[in-house]
Amino acid sequence: MRVPGWELDPASVQHRNLAGQLVCSLARARSVLDRSGRTRPDDVRVTVVFAAGGGELGPHVCSDLT
């Protein structure tokens, strides 16, 4: 998933916290959308790619960042 116009700086603690929140939110949304009820948030692996400065965070599951 790409969010146009949204740039996170991997050197910023605040931006890393925002990325963690994004990972957990996306994982939770994916688990809720699974109609079978078998997908838990920690089954969903998410990678956040930083446009500013390059690099990426992940792949992670929500429990990696809480």
PDB file of N, CA and C in Angstrom:
ATOM      1  N   MET A   1       0.841  -1.169   0.000  1.00  0.00           N
ATOM      2  CA  MET A   1       0.000   0.000   0.000  1.00  0.00           C
ATOM      3  C   MET A   1       0.887   1.234   0.000  1.00  0.00           C
ATOM      4  N   ARG A   2       0.601   2.150  -0.848  1.00  0.00           N
ATOM      5  CA  ARG A   2       1.349   3.406  -0.896  1.00  0.00           C
ATOM      6  C   ARG A   2       0.438   4.542  -0.474  1.00  0.00           C
ATOM      7  N   VAL A   3       1.017   5.457   0.293  1.00  0.00           N
ATOM      8  CA  VAL A   3       0.272   6.638   0.717  1.00  0.00           C
ATOM      9  C   VAL A   3       0.949   7.843   0.070  1.00  0.00           C
ATOM     10  N   PRO A   4       0.425   8.347  -1.045  1.00  0.00           N
ATOM     11  CA  PRO A   4       1.056   9.461  -1.754  1.00  0.00           C
ATOM     12  C   PRO A   4       1.150  10.708  -0.883  1.00  0.00           C
ATOM     13  N   GLY A   5       2.281  11.387  -0.991  1.00  0.00           N
ATOM     14  CA  GLY A   5       2.467  12.638  -0.275  1.00  0.00           C
ATOM     15  C   GLY A   5       2.795  12.479   1.195  1.00  0.00           C
ATOM     16  N   TRP A   6       2.970  11.253   1.639  1.00  0.00           N
ATOM     17  CA  TRP A   6       3.262  10.997   3.040  1.00  0.00           C
ATOM     18  C   TRP A   6       4.668  10.450   3.130  1.00  0.00           C
ATOM     19  N   GLU A   7       5.575  11.191   3.729  1.00  0.00           N
ATOM     20  CA  GLU A   7       6.958  10.741   3.834  1.00  0.00           C
ATOM     21  C   GLU A   7       7.363  10.621   5.296  1.00  0.00           C
ATOM     22  N   LEU A   8       7.869   9.466   5.645  1.00  0.00           N
ATOM     23  CA  LEU A   8       8.363   9.222   6.996  1.00  0.00           C
ATOM     24  C   LEU A   8       9.886   9.200   6.963  1.00  0.00           C
ATOM     25  N   ASP A   9      10.491   9.757   7.968  1.00  0.00           N
ATOM     26  CA  ASP A   9      11.948   9.785   8.085  1.00  0.00           C
ATOM     27  C   ASP A   9      12.375   8.682   9.052  1.00  0.00           C
ATOM     28  N   PRO A  10      13.123   7.660   8.577  1.00  0.00           N
ATOM     29  CA  PRO A  10      13.496   6.539   9.444  1.00  0.00           C
ATOM     30  C   PRO A  10      14.406   6.949  10.595  1.00  0.00           C
ATOM     31  N   ALA A  11      15.019   8.122  10.546  1.00  0.00           N
ATOM     32  CA  ALA A  11      15.890   8.579  11.635  1.00  0.00           C
ATOM     33  C   ALA A  11      15.086   9.218  12.766  1.00  0.00           C
ATOM     34  N   SER A  12      13.833   9.518  12.528  1.00  0.00           N
ATOM     35  CA  SER A  12      12.994  10.179  13.519  1.00  0.00           C
ATOM     36  C   SER A  12      12.270   9.147  14.380  1.00  0.00           C
ATOM     37  N   VAL A  13      12.449   9.248  15.696  1.00  0.00           N
ATOM     38  CA  VAL A  13      11.760   8.338  16.613  1.00  0.00           C
ATOM     39  C   VAL A  13      10.245   8.499  16.470  1.00  0.00           C
ATOM     40  N   GLN A  14       9.794   9.728  16.352  1.00  0.00           N
ATOM     41  CA  GLN A  14       8.370   9.982  16.195  1.00  0.00           C
ATOM     42  C   GLN A  14       7.832   9.315  14.922  1.00  0.00           C
ATOM     43  N   HIS A  15       8.576   9.393  13.842  1.00  0.00           N
ATOM     44  CA  HIS A  15       8.125   8.779  12.590  1.00  0.00           C
ATOM     45  C   HIS A  15       8.172   7.256  12.676  1.00  0.00           C
ATOM     46  N   ARG A  16       9.137   6.715  13.411  1.00  0.00           N
ATOM     47  CA  ARG A  16       9.170   5.256  13.599  1.00  0.00           C
ATOM     48  C   ARG A  16       7.955   4.815  14.414  1.00  0.00           C
ATOM     49  N   ASN A  17       7.559   5.626  15.403  1.00  0.00           N
ATOM     50  CA  ASN A  17       6.359   5.312  16.180  1.00  0.00           C
ATOM     51  C   ASN A  17       5.113   5.363  15.294  1.00  0.00           C
ATOM     52  N   LEU A  18       5.062   6.347  14.406  1.00  0.00           N
ATOM     53  CA  LEU A  18       3.944   6.435  13.463  1.00  0.00           C
ATOM     54  C   LEU A  18       3.913   5.217  12.544  1.00  0.00           C
ATOM     55  N   ALA A  19       5.075   4.785  12.102  1.00  0.00           N
ATOM     56  CA  ALA A  19       5.156   3.598  11.245  1.00  0.00           C
ATOM     57  C   ALA A  19       4.662   2.369  12.001  1.00  0.00           C
ATOM     58  N   GLY A  20       5.012   2.269  13.279  1.00  0.00           N
ATOM     59  CA  GLY A  20       4.532   1.158  14.106  1.00  0.00           C
ATOM     60  C   GLY A  20       3.026   1.160  14.226  1.00  0.00           C
ATOM     61  N   GLN A  21       2.448   2.351  14.409  1.00  0.00           N
ATOM     62  CA  GLN A  21       0.994   2.467  14.475  1.00  0.00           C
ATOM     63  C   GLN A  21       0.368   2.066  13.150  1.00  0.00           C
ATOM     64  N   LEU A  22       0.999   2.456  12.061  1.00  0.00           N
ATOM     65  CA  LEU A  22       0.510   2.096  10.736  1.00  0.00           C
ATOM     66  C   LEU A  22       0.533   0.579  10.547  1.00  0.00           C
ATOM     67  N   VAL A  23       1.624  -0.064  10.948  1.00  0.00           N
ATOM     68  CA  VAL A  23       1.742  -1.522  10.840  1.00  0.00           C
ATOM     69  C   VAL A  23       0.611  -2.201  11.610  1.00  0.00           C
ATOM     70  N   CYS A  24       0.392  -1.769  12.850  1.00  0.00           N
ATOM     71  CA  CYS A  24      -0.646  -2.393  13.678  1.00  0.00           C
ATOM     72  C   CYS A  24      -2.043  -2.139  13.121  1.00  0.00           C
ATOM     73  N   SER A  25      -2.280  -0.935  12.622  1.00  0.00           N
ATOM     74  CA  SER A  25      -3.592  -0.615  12.060  1.00  0.00           C
ATOM     75  C   SER A  25      -3.884  -1.436  10.812  1.00  0.00           C
ATOM     76  N   LEU A  26      -2.895  -1.553   9.926  1.00  0.00           N
ATOM     77  CA  LEU A  26      -3.085  -2.342   8.707  1.00  0.00           C
ATOM     78  C   LEU A  26      -3.273  -3.824   9.028  1.00  0.00           C
ATOM     79  N   ALA A  27      -2.509  -4.326   9.971  1.00  0.00           N
ATOM     80  CA  ALA A  27      -2.626  -5.735  10.354  1.00  0.00           C
ATOM     81  C   ALA A  27      -3.997  -6.017  10.960  1.00  0.00           C
ATOM     82  N   ARG A  28      -4.464  -5.129  11.803  1.00  0.00           N
ATOM     83  CA  ARG A  28      -5.783  -5.307  12.426  1.00  0.00           C
ATOM     84  C   ARG A  28      -6.883  -5.239  11.368  1.00  0.00           C
ATOM     85  N   ALA A  29      -6.771  -4.294  10.451  1.00  0.00           N
ATOM     86  CA  ALA A  29      -7.780  -4.172   9.396  1.00  0.00           C
ATOM     87  C   ALA A  29      -7.829  -5.439   8.550  1.00  0.00           C
ATOM     88  N   ARG A  30      -6.661  -5.961   8.227  1.00  0.00           N
ATOM     89  CA  ARG A  30      -6.611  -7.180   7.404  1.00  0.00           C
ATOM     90  C   ARG A  30      -7.245  -8.354   8.139  1.00  0.00           C
ATOM     91  N   SER A  31      -7.001  -8.461   9.440  1.00  0.00           N
ATOM     92  CA  SER A  31      -7.577  -9.575  10.203  1.00  0.00           C
ATOM     93  C   SER A  31      -9.097  -9.440  10.306  1.00  0.00           C
ATOM     94  N   VAL A  32      -9.600  -8.212  10.420  1.00  0.00           N
ATOM     95  CA  VAL A  32     -11.042  -7.991  10.493  1.00  0.00           C
ATOM     96  C   VAL A  32     -11.704  -8.326   9.155  1.00  0.00           C
ATOM     97  N   LEU A  33     -11.022  -8.039   8.052  1.00  0.00           N
ATOM     98  CA  LEU A  33     -11.585  -8.304   6.726  1.00  0.00           C
ATOM     99  C   LEU A  33     -11.613  -9.781   6.362  1.00  0.00           C
ATOM    100  N   ASP A  34     -10.877 -10.615   7.104  1.00  0.00           N
ATOM    101  CA  ASP A  34     -10.867 -12.053   6.843  1.00  0.00           C
ATOM    102  C   ASP A  34     -12.166 -12.657   7.373  1.00  0.00           C
ATOM    103  N   ARG A  35     -13.061 -12.935   6.484  1.00  0.00           N
ATOM    104  CA  ARG A  35     -14.384 -13.441   6.885  1.00  0.00           C
ATOM    105  C   ARG A  35     -14.314 -14.819   7.528  1.00  0.00           C
ATOM    106  N   SER A  36     -13.247 -15.570   7.292  1.00  0.00           N
ATOM    107  CA  SER A  36     -13.127 -16.891   7.906  1.00  0.00           C
ATOM    108  C   SER A  36     -12.819 -16.788   9.392  1.00  0.00           C
ATOM    109  N   GLY A  37     -12.304 -15.622   9.820  1.00  0.00           N
ATOM    110  CA  GLY A  37     -11.973 -15.436  11.233  1.00  0.00           C
ATOM    111  C   GLY A  37     -10.684 -16.112  11.654  1.00  0.00           C
ATOM    112  N   ARG A  38      -9.899 -16.581  10.716  1.00  0.00           N
ATOM    113  CA  ARG A  38      -8.665 -17.311  11.040  1.00  0.00           C
ATOM    114  C   ARG A  38      -7.422 -16.441  11.077  1.00  0.00           C
ATOM    115  N   THR A  39      -7.482 -15.227  10.527  1.00  0.00           N
ATOM    116  CA  THR A  39      -6.304 -14.369  10.470  1.00  0.00           C
ATOM    117  C   THR A  39      -6.244 -13.488  11.701  1.00  0.00           C
ATOM    118  N   ARG A  40      -5.174 -13.628  12.460  1.00  0.00           N
ATOM    119  CA  ARG A  40      -4.933 -12.774  13.618  1.00  0.00           C
ATOM    120  C   ARG A  40      -4.041 -11.623  13.169  1.00  0.00           C
ATOM    121  N   PRO A  41      -4.082 -10.482  13.863  1.00  0.00           N
ATOM    122  CA  PRO A  41      -3.208  -9.369  13.468  1.00  0.00           C
ATOM    123  C   PRO A  41      -1.731  -9.764  13.366  1.00  0.00           C
ATOM    124  N   ASP A  42      -1.261 -10.639  14.246  1.00  0.00           N
ATOM    125  CA  ASP A  42       0.149 -11.041  14.185  1.00  0.00           C
ATOM    126  C   ASP A  42       0.448 -12.060  13.086  1.00  0.00           C
ATOM    127  N   ASP A  43      -0.579 -12.457  12.325  1.00  0.00           N
ATOM    128  CA  ASP A  43      -0.346 -13.291  11.142  1.00  0.00           C
ATOM    129  C   ASP A  43      -0.015 -12.429   9.920  1.00  0.00           C
ATOM    130  N   VAL A  44      -0.266 -11.129  10.020  1.00  0.00           N
ATOM    131  CA  VAL A  44      -0.102 -10.209   8.892  1.00  0.00           C
ATOM    132  C   VAL A  44       1.256  -9.511   9.008  1.00  0.00           C
ATOM    133  N   ARG A  45       2.092  -9.684   7.992  1.00  0.00           N
ATOM    134  CA  ARG A  45       3.409  -9.044   7.967  1.00  0.00           C
ATOM    135  C   ARG A  45       3.342  -7.802   7.088  1.00  0.00           C
ATOM    136  N   VAL A  46       3.846  -6.684   7.624  1.00  0.00           N
ATOM    137  CA  VAL A  46       3.759  -5.393   6.941  1.00  0.00           C
ATOM    138  C   VAL A  46       5.159  -4.790   6.840  1.00  0.00           C
ATOM    139  N   THR A  47       5.486  -4.233   5.682  1.00  0.00           N
ATOM    140  CA  THR A  47       6.736  -3.505   5.488  1.00  0.00           C
ATOM    141  C   THR A  47       6.395  -2.064   5.139  1.00  0.00           C
ATOM    142  N   VAL A  48       7.000  -1.126   5.884  1.00  0.00           N
ATOM    143  CA  VAL A  48       6.830   0.295   5.607  1.00  0.00           C
ATOM    144  C   VAL A  48       8.094   0.767   4.907  1.00  0.00           C
ATOM    145  N   VAL A  49       7.947   1.323   3.715  1.00  0.00           N
ATOM    146  CA  VAL A  49       9.085   1.823   2.937  1.00  0.00           C
ATOM    147  C   VAL A  49       9.142   3.334   3.116  1.00  0.00           C
ATOM    148  N   PHE A  50      10.301   3.827   3.527  1.00  0.00           N
ATOM    149  CA  PHE A  50      10.492   5.255   3.753  1.00  0.00           C
ATOM    150  C   PHE A  50      10.966   5.918   2.470  1.00  0.00           C
ATOM    151  N   ALA A  51      10.229   6.929   2.019  1.00  0.00           N
ATOM    152  CA  ALA A  51      10.615   7.665   0.813  1.00  0.00           C
ATOM    153  C   ALA A  51      11.777   8.602   1.125  1.00  0.00           C
ATOM    154  N   ALA A  52      11.722   9.274   2.262  1.00  0.00           N
ATOM    155  CA  ALA A  52      12.777  10.217   2.670  1.00  0.00           C
ATOM    156  C   ALA A  52      13.953   9.437   3.236  1.00  0.00           C
ATOM    157  N   GLY A  53      15.094   9.547   2.618  1.00  0.00           N
ATOM    158  CA  GLY A  53      16.281   8.871   3.137  1.00  0.00           C
ATOM    159  C   GLY A  53      16.382   7.409   2.790  1.00  0.00           C
ATOM    160  N   GLY A  54      15.396   6.878   2.107  1.00  0.00           N
ATOM    161  CA  GLY A  54      15.422   5.477   1.727  1.00  0.00           C
ATOM    162  C   GLY A  54      15.227   4.565   2.919  1.00  0.00           C
ATOM    163  N   GLY A  55      15.335   3.306   2.708  1.00  0.00           N
ATOM    164  CA  GLY A  55      15.204   2.323   3.769  1.00  0.00           C
ATOM    165  C   GLY A  55      13.771   1.877   3.969  1.00  0.00           C
ATOM    166  N   GLU A  56      13.639   0.917   4.839  1.00  0.00           N
ATOM    167  CA  GLU A  56      12.318   0.378   5.124  1.00  0.00           C
ATOM    168  C   GLU A  56      12.285  -0.172   6.541  1.00  0.00           C
ATOM    169  N   LEU A  57      11.083  -0.332   7.046  1.00  0.00           N
ATOM    170  CA  LEU A  57      10.852  -0.895   8.363  1.00  0.00           C
ATOM    171  C   LEU A  57      10.051  -2.164   8.145  1.00  0.00           C
ATOM    172  N   GLY A  58      10.671  -3.289   8.430  1.00  0.00           N
ATOM    173  CA  GLY A  58       9.915  -4.528   8.288  1.00  0.00           C
ATOM    174  C   GLY A  58      10.619  -5.532   7.391  1.00  0.00           C
ATOM    175  N   PRO A  59       9.938  -6.598   7.135  1.00  0.00           N
ATOM    176  CA  PRO A  59       8.557  -6.828   7.492  1.00  0.00           C
ATOM    177  C   PRO A  59       8.400  -7.078   8.996  1.00  0.00           C
ATOM    178  N   HIS A  60       7.311  -6.574   9.537  1.00  0.00           N
ATOM    179  CA  HIS A  60       7.009  -6.718  10.961  1.00  0.00           C
ATOM    180  C   HIS A  60       5.580  -7.140  11.161  1.00  0.00           C
ATOM    181  N   VAL A  61       5.333  -7.713  12.317  1.00  0.00           N
ATOM    182  CA  VAL A  61       3.979  -7.921  12.810  1.00  0.00           C
ATOM    183  C   VAL A  61       3.785  -6.921  13.934  1.00  0.00           C
ATOM    184  N   CYS A  62       2.560  -6.670  14.284  1.00  0.00           N
ATOM    185  CA  CYS A  62       2.260  -5.631  15.273  1.00  0.00           C
ATOM    186  C   CYS A  62       3.017  -5.845  16.588  1.00  0.00           C
ATOM    187  N   SER A  63       3.100  -7.059  17.062  1.00  0.00           N
ATOM    188  CA  SER A  63       3.750  -7.299  18.351  1.00  0.00           C
ATOM    189  C   SER A  63       5.241  -6.985  18.337  1.00  0.00           C
ATOM    190  N   ASP A  64       5.844  -6.883  17.144  1.00  0.00           N
ATOM    191  CA  ASP A  64       7.246  -6.485  17.047  1.00  0.00           C
ATOM    192  C   ASP A  64       7.437  -5.030  17.469  1.00  0.00           C
ATOM    193  N   LEU A  65       6.395  -4.223  17.341  1.00  0.00           N
ATOM    194  CA  LEU A  65       6.526  -2.770  17.508  1.00  0.00           C
ATOM    195  C   LEU A  65       5.786  -2.222  18.715  1.00  0.00           C
ATOM    196  N   THR A  66       5.223  -3.083  19.534  1.00  0.00           N
ATOM    197  CA  THR A  66       4.499  -2.594  20.710  1.00  0.00           C
ATOM    198  C   THR A  66       5.256  -2.900  21.971  1.00  0.00           C
TER     199      THR A  66
END
